[in-house]
Amino acid sequence: MDWIILLLAGCCECGFTFCLGKAKTCPPGLEQTLWYVGFGAVSLLSMALLAKATKTIPVGTAYPVWTGIGAVGTVLVGTLVFGEPAGFWRLFFIFTLIASIIGLKVL
């Protein structure tokens, strides 16, 4: 169950980077403020879920998995939503990161 919680925490990390990206692209005002509020809320949720997961998963495993999920998810969001480039080397290193995350889970 804690691995599922850790996966959700990593997804929340993608969520708060998405909110940050949206806040950066909209004009100052209510919409931007709401994106920043979303950023704060999802950040807190992500940290709370990470803290819960580390009650049974070692921190040395949970933290890299959490940041790795966030990094991979953020690259995907950046590419699919914000139109960032997805060249060969970028994808190559994302796949090596995914392999590393799987390796930490297997150990």
N, C-alpha and C. Protein backbone atom coordinates (compact mmCIF):
# COMPACT_ATOMS: atom_id res chain seq x y z
N MET A 1 0.82 -1.21 0.00
CA MET A 1 0.00 0.00 0.00
C MET A 1 0.86 1.27 0.00
N ASP A 2 1.98 1.21 0.73
CA ASP A 2 2.83 2.40 0.79
C ASP A 2 3.49 2.71 -0.55
N TRP A 3 3.68 1.70 -1.39
CA TRP A 3 4.22 1.97 -2.72
C TRP A 3 3.19 2.73 -3.57
N ILE A 4 1.93 2.43 -3.38
CA ILE A 4 0.88 3.16 -4.08
C ILE A 4 0.83 4.61 -3.59
N ILE A 5 0.98 4.79 -2.28
CA ILE A 5 1.02 6.13 -1.71
C ILE A 5 2.21 6.91 -2.26
N LEU A 6 3.35 6.23 -2.38
CA LEU A 6 4.54 6.87 -2.94
C LEU A 6 4.32 7.25 -4.40
N LEU A 7 3.65 6.39 -5.15
CA LEU A 7 3.33 6.69 -6.55
C LEU A 7 2.42 7.91 -6.63
N LEU A 8 1.43 7.98 -5.77
CA LEU A 8 0.55 9.15 -5.73
C LEU A 8 1.31 10.42 -5.35
N ALA A 9 2.25 10.29 -4.43
CA ALA A 9 3.07 11.45 -4.04
C ALA A 9 3.88 11.95 -5.23
N GLY A 10 4.45 11.03 -6.01
CA GLY A 10 5.19 11.42 -7.20
C GLY A 10 4.30 12.08 -8.24
N CYS A 11 3.07 11.58 -8.37
CA CYS A 11 2.12 12.20 -9.30
C CYS A 11 1.74 13.60 -8.83
N CYS A 12 1.64 13.78 -7.52
CA CYS A 12 1.36 15.12 -6.98
C CYS A 12 2.51 16.07 -7.29
N GLU A 13 3.73 15.53 -7.30
CA GLU A 13 4.87 16.38 -7.66
C GLU A 13 4.72 16.87 -9.10
N CYS A 14 4.25 16.00 -9.97
CA CYS A 14 3.97 16.43 -11.35
C CYS A 14 2.88 17.50 -11.35
N GLY A 15 1.90 17.32 -10.48
CA GLY A 15 0.80 18.28 -10.38
C GLY A 15 1.26 19.65 -9.96
N PHE A 16 2.17 19.71 -8.98
CA PHE A 16 2.58 21.05 -8.56
C PHE A 16 3.50 21.71 -9.56
N THR A 17 4.25 20.94 -10.34
CA THR A 17 5.05 21.58 -11.38
C THR A 17 4.15 22.05 -12.53
N PHE A 18 3.07 21.30 -12.80
CA PHE A 18 2.09 21.73 -13.80
C PHE A 18 1.46 23.07 -13.38
N CYS A 19 1.04 23.15 -12.12
CA CYS A 19 0.44 24.41 -11.62
C CYS A 19 1.43 25.56 -11.74
N LEU A 20 2.69 25.30 -11.44
CA LEU A 20 3.71 26.34 -11.54
C LEU A 20 3.87 26.80 -12.99
N GLY A 21 3.87 25.84 -13.92
CA GLY A 21 3.98 26.18 -15.33
C GLY A 21 2.80 27.00 -15.82
N LYS A 22 1.59 26.61 -15.38
CA LYS A 22 0.40 27.36 -15.78
C LYS A 22 0.41 28.77 -15.18
N ALA A 23 0.83 28.89 -13.92
CA ALA A 23 0.88 30.21 -13.27
C ALA A 23 1.87 31.12 -13.99
N LYS A 24 2.94 30.53 -14.48
CA LYS A 24 3.96 31.31 -15.17
C LYS A 24 3.47 31.85 -16.51
N THR A 25 2.56 31.14 -17.14
CA THR A 25 2.14 31.53 -18.49
C THR A 25 0.89 32.40 -18.53
N CYS A 26 0.20 32.56 -17.40
CA CYS A 26 -1.02 33.39 -17.45
C CYS A 26 -0.72 34.78 -16.87
N PRO A 27 -1.51 35.77 -17.26
CA PRO A 27 -1.26 37.14 -16.79
C PRO A 27 -1.57 37.27 -15.29
N PRO A 28 -0.91 38.22 -14.63
CA PRO A 28 -1.16 38.43 -13.20
C PRO A 28 -2.64 38.69 -12.95
N GLY A 29 -3.14 38.16 -11.87
CA GLY A 29 -4.55 38.34 -11.53
C GLY A 29 -5.07 37.12 -10.80
N LEU A 30 -6.39 36.99 -10.80
CA LEU A 30 -7.04 35.91 -10.06
C LEU A 30 -6.64 34.53 -10.57
N GLU A 31 -6.62 34.35 -11.88
CA GLU A 31 -6.26 33.04 -12.44
C GLU A 31 -4.86 32.63 -12.00
N GLN A 32 -3.90 33.55 -12.09
CA GLN A 32 -2.54 33.24 -11.68
C GLN A 32 -2.48 32.90 -10.18
N THR A 33 -3.21 33.66 -9.38
CA THR A 33 -3.25 33.40 -7.94
C THR A 33 -3.80 32.02 -7.65
N LEU A 34 -4.85 31.63 -8.37
CA LEU A 34 -5.43 30.30 -8.17
C LEU A 34 -4.45 29.19 -8.54
N TRP A 35 -3.68 29.39 -9.60
CA TRP A 35 -2.67 28.40 -9.96
C TRP A 35 -1.60 28.30 -8.88
N TYR A 36 -1.21 29.43 -8.28
CA TYR A 36 -0.24 29.39 -7.19
C TYR A 36 -0.82 28.72 -5.94
N VAL A 37 -2.10 28.95 -5.67
CA VAL A 37 -2.76 28.27 -4.54
C VAL A 37 -2.79 26.77 -4.80
N GLY A 38 -3.10 26.37 -6.03
CA GLY A 38 -3.06 24.96 -6.40
C GLY A 38 -1.68 24.38 -6.22
N PHE A 39 -0.67 25.14 -6.61
CA PHE A 39 0.72 24.72 -6.43
C PHE A 39 0.99 24.42 -4.95
N GLY A 40 0.60 25.34 -4.07
CA GLY A 40 0.84 25.15 -2.65
C GLY A 40 0.09 23.95 -2.09
N ALA A 41 -1.16 23.79 -2.49
CA ALA A 41 -1.98 22.69 -1.98
C ALA A 41 -1.43 21.34 -2.43
N VAL A 42 -1.10 21.22 -3.71
CA VAL A 42 -0.60 19.94 -4.22
C VAL A 42 0.80 19.66 -3.67
N SER A 43 1.59 20.70 -3.43
CA SER A 43 2.92 20.51 -2.82
C SER A 43 2.78 19.93 -1.43
N LEU A 44 1.88 20.49 -0.63
CA LEU A 44 1.66 19.98 0.72
C LEU A 44 1.16 18.53 0.69
N LEU A 45 0.25 18.24 -0.21
CA LEU A 45 -0.26 16.88 -0.34
C LEU A 45 0.86 15.91 -0.73
N SER A 46 1.71 16.33 -1.65
CA SER A 46 2.82 15.50 -2.09
C SER A 46 3.77 15.20 -0.93
N MET A 47 4.10 16.22 -0.16
CA MET A 47 5.00 16.02 0.98
C MET A 47 4.36 15.13 2.05
N ALA A 48 3.07 15.32 2.29
CA ALA A 48 2.37 14.50 3.29
C ALA A 48 2.34 13.03 2.86
N LEU A 49 2.08 12.79 1.60
CA LEU A 49 2.07 11.42 1.10
C LEU A 49 3.46 10.80 1.14
N LEU A 50 4.49 11.59 0.81
CA LEU A 50 5.86 11.10 0.90
C LEU A 50 6.20 10.73 2.34
N ALA A 51 5.82 11.59 3.28
CA ALA A 51 6.09 11.32 4.70
C ALA A 51 5.39 10.04 5.15
N LYS A 52 4.16 9.83 4.69
CA LYS A 52 3.44 8.61 5.05
C LYS A 52 4.11 7.38 4.46
N ALA A 53 4.55 7.47 3.22
CA ALA A 53 5.19 6.32 2.57
C ALA A 53 6.50 5.94 3.24
N THR A 54 7.21 6.93 3.77
CA THR A 54 8.51 6.64 4.40
C THR A 54 8.38 5.99 5.77
N LYS A 55 7.18 5.77 6.23
CA LYS A 55 7.01 5.04 7.49
C LYS A 55 7.39 3.57 7.32
N THR A 56 7.24 3.04 6.11
CA THR A 56 7.62 1.64 5.87
C THR A 56 8.67 1.48 4.77
N ILE A 57 8.78 2.45 3.88
CA ILE A 57 9.78 2.40 2.81
C ILE A 57 10.98 3.23 3.26
N PRO A 58 12.19 2.70 3.17
CA PRO A 58 13.37 3.47 3.58
C PRO A 58 13.46 4.80 2.82
N VAL A 59 13.86 5.84 3.52
CA VAL A 59 13.97 7.17 2.92
C VAL A 59 14.93 7.15 1.73
N GLY A 60 16.00 6.40 1.83
CA GLY A 60 16.99 6.31 0.75
C GLY A 60 16.43 5.69 -0.51
N THR A 61 15.33 4.99 -0.41
CA THR A 61 14.63 4.46 -1.58
C THR A 61 13.47 5.35 -1.97
N ALA A 62 12.68 5.76 -0.98
CA ALA A 62 11.45 6.53 -1.26
C ALA A 62 11.75 7.87 -1.92
N TYR A 63 12.74 8.59 -1.42
CA TYR A 63 13.01 9.92 -1.95
C TYR A 63 13.45 9.89 -3.42
N PRO A 64 14.41 9.03 -3.79
CA PRO A 64 14.77 8.99 -5.22
C PRO A 64 13.61 8.52 -6.12
N VAL A 65 12.79 7.59 -5.64
CA VAL A 65 11.65 7.15 -6.43
C VAL A 65 10.66 8.31 -6.60
N TRP A 66 10.40 9.03 -5.51
CA TRP A 66 9.49 10.18 -5.54
C TRP A 66 9.98 11.26 -6.52
N THR A 67 11.24 11.62 -6.41
CA THR A 67 11.77 12.65 -7.31
C THR A 67 11.85 12.14 -8.75
N GLY A 68 12.15 10.85 -8.91
CA GLY A 68 12.20 10.28 -10.26
C GLY A 68 10.85 10.29 -10.94
N ILE A 69 9.81 9.89 -10.20
CA ILE A 69 8.45 9.93 -10.75
C ILE A 69 8.10 11.37 -11.11
N GLY A 70 8.44 12.28 -10.22
CA GLY A 70 8.17 13.69 -10.49
C GLY A 70 8.93 14.21 -11.70
N ALA A 71 10.18 13.80 -11.83
CA ALA A 71 10.99 14.26 -12.96
C ALA A 71 10.45 13.72 -14.28
N VAL A 72 10.17 12.43 -14.31
CA VAL A 72 9.64 11.82 -15.55
C VAL A 72 8.29 12.43 -15.89
N GLY A 73 7.43 12.54 -14.90
CA GLY A 73 6.11 13.11 -15.13
C GLY A 73 6.17 14.55 -15.58
N THR A 74 7.09 15.31 -15.00
CA THR A 74 7.22 16.71 -15.36
C THR A 74 7.74 16.86 -16.79
N VAL A 75 8.66 16.01 -17.20
CA VAL A 75 9.13 16.05 -18.59
C VAL A 75 7.98 15.71 -19.53
N LEU A 76 7.18 14.71 -19.17
CA LEU A 76 6.03 14.35 -20.01
C LEU A 76 5.03 15.49 -20.10
N VAL A 77 4.72 16.10 -18.97
CA VAL A 77 3.79 17.24 -18.96
C VAL A 77 4.37 18.39 -19.78
N GLY A 78 5.65 18.67 -19.59
CA GLY A 78 6.28 19.74 -20.35
C GLY A 78 6.22 19.50 -21.84
N THR A 79 6.42 18.25 -22.24
CA THR A 79 6.40 17.91 -23.65
C THR A 79 4.98 17.91 -24.22
N LEU A 80 4.07 17.26 -23.50
CA LEU A 80 2.71 17.10 -24.03
C LEU A 80 1.83 18.33 -23.86
N VAL A 81 2.03 19.07 -22.77
CA VAL A 81 1.15 20.21 -22.49
C VAL A 81 1.78 21.54 -22.90
N PHE A 82 3.05 21.72 -22.57
CA PHE A 82 3.70 23.01 -22.80
C PHE A 82 4.53 23.06 -24.07
N GLY A 83 4.55 21.98 -24.84
CA GLY A 83 5.23 21.98 -26.13
C GLY A 83 6.74 22.03 -26.06
N GLU A 84 7.34 21.53 -24.99
CA GLU A 84 8.80 21.49 -24.88
C GLU A 84 9.34 20.41 -25.82
N PRO A 85 10.59 20.55 -26.27
CA PRO A 85 11.13 19.59 -27.23
C PRO A 85 11.33 18.20 -26.60
N ALA A 86 11.23 17.17 -27.44
CA ALA A 86 11.43 15.79 -27.00
C ALA A 86 12.41 15.11 -27.93
N GLY A 87 13.66 15.53 -27.87
CA GLY A 87 14.69 14.96 -28.73
C GLY A 87 15.15 13.60 -28.25
N PHE A 88 15.99 12.98 -29.07
CA PHE A 88 16.48 11.64 -28.77
C PHE A 88 17.16 11.56 -27.41
N TRP A 89 18.11 12.45 -27.15
CA TRP A 89 18.87 12.35 -25.90
C TRP A 89 18.00 12.62 -24.67
N ARG A 90 17.06 13.52 -24.81
CA ARG A 90 16.15 13.79 -23.69
C ARG A 90 15.35 12.53 -23.35
N LEU A 91 14.80 11.90 -24.36
CA LEU A 91 14.04 10.66 -24.16
C LEU A 91 14.93 9.53 -23.66
N PHE A 92 16.13 9.44 -24.18
CA PHE A 92 17.07 8.41 -23.74
C PHE A 92 17.33 8.51 -22.24
N PHE A 93 17.60 9.71 -21.77
CA PHE A 93 17.90 9.87 -20.34
C PHE A 93 16.65 9.72 -19.47
N ILE A 94 15.50 10.06 -19.98
CA ILE A 94 14.26 9.80 -19.24
C ILE A 94 14.06 8.30 -19.08
N PHE A 95 14.31 7.53 -20.13
CA PHE A 95 14.17 6.08 -20.03
C PHE A 95 15.20 5.47 -19.09
N THR A 96 16.41 6.03 -19.04
CA THR A 96 17.38 5.52 -18.07
C THR A 96 16.94 5.86 -16.65
N LEU A 97 16.30 7.00 -16.47
CA LEU A 97 15.77 7.36 -15.16
C LEU A 97 14.66 6.39 -14.74
N ILE A 98 13.78 6.06 -15.67
CA ILE A 98 12.71 5.09 -15.39
C ILE A 98 13.32 3.74 -15.01
N ALA A 99 14.34 3.31 -15.73
CA ALA A 99 15.00 2.04 -15.41
C ALA A 99 15.61 2.08 -14.01
N SER A 100 16.16 3.22 -13.63
CA SER A 100 16.73 3.37 -12.29
C SER A 100 15.65 3.28 -11.21
N ILE A 101 14.51 3.90 -11.46
CA ILE A 101 13.40 3.84 -10.50
C ILE A 101 12.93 2.39 -10.33
N ILE A 102 12.79 1.69 -11.45
CA ILE A 102 12.39 0.28 -11.39
C ILE A 102 13.42 -0.52 -10.62
N GLY A 103 14.70 -0.23 -10.86
CA GLY A 103 15.77 -0.92 -10.14
C GLY A 103 15.68 -0.71 -8.63
N LEU A 104 15.36 0.49 -8.19
CA LEU A 104 15.21 0.73 -6.76
C LEU A 104 14.02 -0.02 -6.17
N LYS A 105 12.96 -0.16 -6.95
CA LYS A 105 11.78 -0.90 -6.47
C LYS A 105 12.10 -2.38 -6.36
N VAL A 106 12.86 -2.91 -7.33
CA VAL A 106 13.17 -4.33 -7.33
C VAL A 106 14.08 -4.72 -6.17
N LEU A 107 14.99 -3.82 -5.81
CA LEU A 107 15.95 -4.16 -4.73
C LEU A 107 15.31 -4.29 -3.40
